[in-house]
Every structure is written in C-alpha cells, then in structure tokens.
Amino acid sequence: MSTKYYETYYSKHIVNSGKADYVERNKEMINKSDFCIIYYNKNYSSPRKKFSHIDLTAYQSNGGTKIAYNYVLKKNKTIINIYDKLTNS
C-alpha cells in the first residue's frame, strides 16, 4: 500500500507575493536546514525571452532553482544534487 503526502511550505508573511514567494520560501527553508536536496543541471539555460517589440536576447533571467542553488552555496550548506547523482551513475 502506497501513501502519498503532498504539502508545500509557505512562510506566512510572504503568501500571495508571486515569484518572490517561492524565492523567499526557498531561502527560509535553506536557512533552517543543514543540507539541501536539489535537482539542478548547472549547464541548463532557459529559453531566451522576447517581449513584444523589444528583443532582449542578451537578457537571461535566473530561474528559481538557480537562485536557490547559488544561495545554498553562499550559505555554505551541504548540497545533494539529485541531477548529478542520476546523470553520473
């Protein structure tokens, strides 16, 4: 018998704040943790963004996972990168 459990952690002071909500939630969880389990491909680049009449091909945004990964590095926490484990086996 398999039991599934789904829950997302939201800090009570950042609910409904859009993308910033996820970034701040991740930072809060990282701050409260000794290690971080992440699925992150360091070589992945998200598609270039274009906005109507302005071509911003030089612009490359940071995705939430990259922001979290860099924050974990900055905080000097132990990282368990599932992507590396799956692709290097």
Protein backbone atom coordinates (compact mmCIF):
# COMPACT_ATOMS: atom_id res chain seq x y z
CA MET A 1 0.00 0.00 0.00
CA SER A 2 1.40 3.38 -1.03
CA THR A 3 0.59 6.57 0.84
CA LYS A 4 1.26 9.87 -0.87
CA TYR A 5 1.79 13.08 1.01
CA TYR A 6 1.82 16.46 -0.69
CA GLU A 7 2.39 19.68 1.13
CA THR A 8 4.07 22.91 0.18
CA TYR A 9 5.67 25.13 2.76
CA TYR A 10 4.68 28.79 2.60
CA SER A 11 6.00 31.34 5.03
CA LYS A 12 3.02 33.17 6.50
CA HIS A 13 4.49 36.62 5.79
CA ILE A 14 5.05 36.08 2.04
CA VAL A 15 1.88 34.33 0.87
CA ASN A 16 0.48 35.64 -2.47
CA SER A 17 3.62 37.52 -3.46
CA GLY A 18 4.20 35.81 -6.83
CA LYS A 19 7.67 34.57 -7.85
CA ALA A 20 9.20 36.35 -4.87
CA ASP A 21 7.15 33.99 -2.68
CA TYR A 22 8.99 30.94 -3.98
CA VAL A 23 12.41 32.58 -3.80
CA GLU A 24 11.86 33.77 -0.23
CA ARG A 25 10.30 30.44 0.79
CA ASN A 26 13.33 28.59 -0.55
CA LYS A 27 15.72 30.93 1.27
CA GLU A 28 13.83 30.45 4.51
CA MET A 29 13.91 26.65 4.17
CA ILE A 30 17.63 26.74 3.32
CA ASN A 31 18.34 28.90 6.37
CA LYS A 32 16.57 26.36 8.59
CA SER A 33 18.35 23.34 7.08
CA ASP A 34 21.71 21.68 7.48
CA PHE A 35 21.70 20.38 3.90
CA CYS A 36 19.76 20.88 0.68
CA ILE A 37 18.46 18.24 -1.71
CA ILE A 38 18.11 19.80 -5.14
CA TYR A 39 17.61 18.79 -8.77
CA TYR A 40 19.75 21.24 -10.71
CA ASN A 41 21.53 20.99 -14.07
CA LYS A 42 24.29 23.62 -13.98
CA ASN A 43 24.52 23.55 -17.79
CA TYR A 44 20.82 24.17 -18.43
CA SER A 45 19.89 27.50 -19.94
CA SER A 46 16.25 28.51 -20.10
CA PRO A 47 14.92 29.75 -23.44
CA ARG A 48 15.75 33.35 -24.35
CA LYS A 49 12.99 35.78 -23.53
CA LYS A 50 11.41 38.15 -26.03
CA PHE A 51 8.96 40.88 -25.17
CA SER A 52 6.79 42.34 -27.97
CA HIS A 53 8.80 44.89 -29.95
CA ILE A 54 11.88 44.72 -27.72
CA ASP A 55 14.30 41.88 -28.42
CA LEU A 56 16.08 41.04 -25.20
CA THR A 57 18.12 38.09 -26.45
CA ALA A 58 21.08 39.22 -24.34
CA TYR A 59 18.89 39.06 -21.25
CA GLN A 60 18.88 35.77 -19.38
CA SER A 61 16.89 35.51 -16.19
CA ASN A 62 17.81 33.39 -13.23
CA GLY A 63 15.33 30.61 -12.59
CA GLY A 64 14.23 29.80 -9.06
CA THR A 65 16.35 26.65 -8.87
CA LYS A 66 19.49 28.52 -9.89
CA ILE A 67 18.75 31.24 -7.33
CA ALA A 68 18.27 28.59 -4.62
CA TYR A 69 21.42 26.71 -5.66
CA ASN A 70 23.54 29.86 -5.51
CA TYR A 71 22.02 30.74 -2.14
CA VAL A 72 22.90 27.28 -0.75
CA LEU A 73 26.48 27.80 -1.93
CA LYS A 74 26.58 31.24 -0.33
CA LYS A 75 25.32 29.80 2.96
CA ASN A 76 27.92 27.01 2.76
CA LYS A 77 25.34 24.26 3.28
CA THR A 78 25.79 20.67 2.16
CA ILE A 79 24.25 20.08 -1.28
CA ILE A 80 22.86 16.78 -2.51
CA ASN A 81 22.21 17.34 -6.21
CA ILE A 82 19.91 14.58 -7.47
CA TYR A 83 20.58 15.61 -11.10
CA ASP A 84 24.30 14.82 -10.69
CA LYS A 85 23.52 11.51 -9.00
CA LEU A 86 21.14 10.44 -11.79
CA THR A 87 23.32 11.52 -14.71
CA ASN A 88 26.69 10.34 -13.36
CA SER A 89 25.69 6.79 -12.45
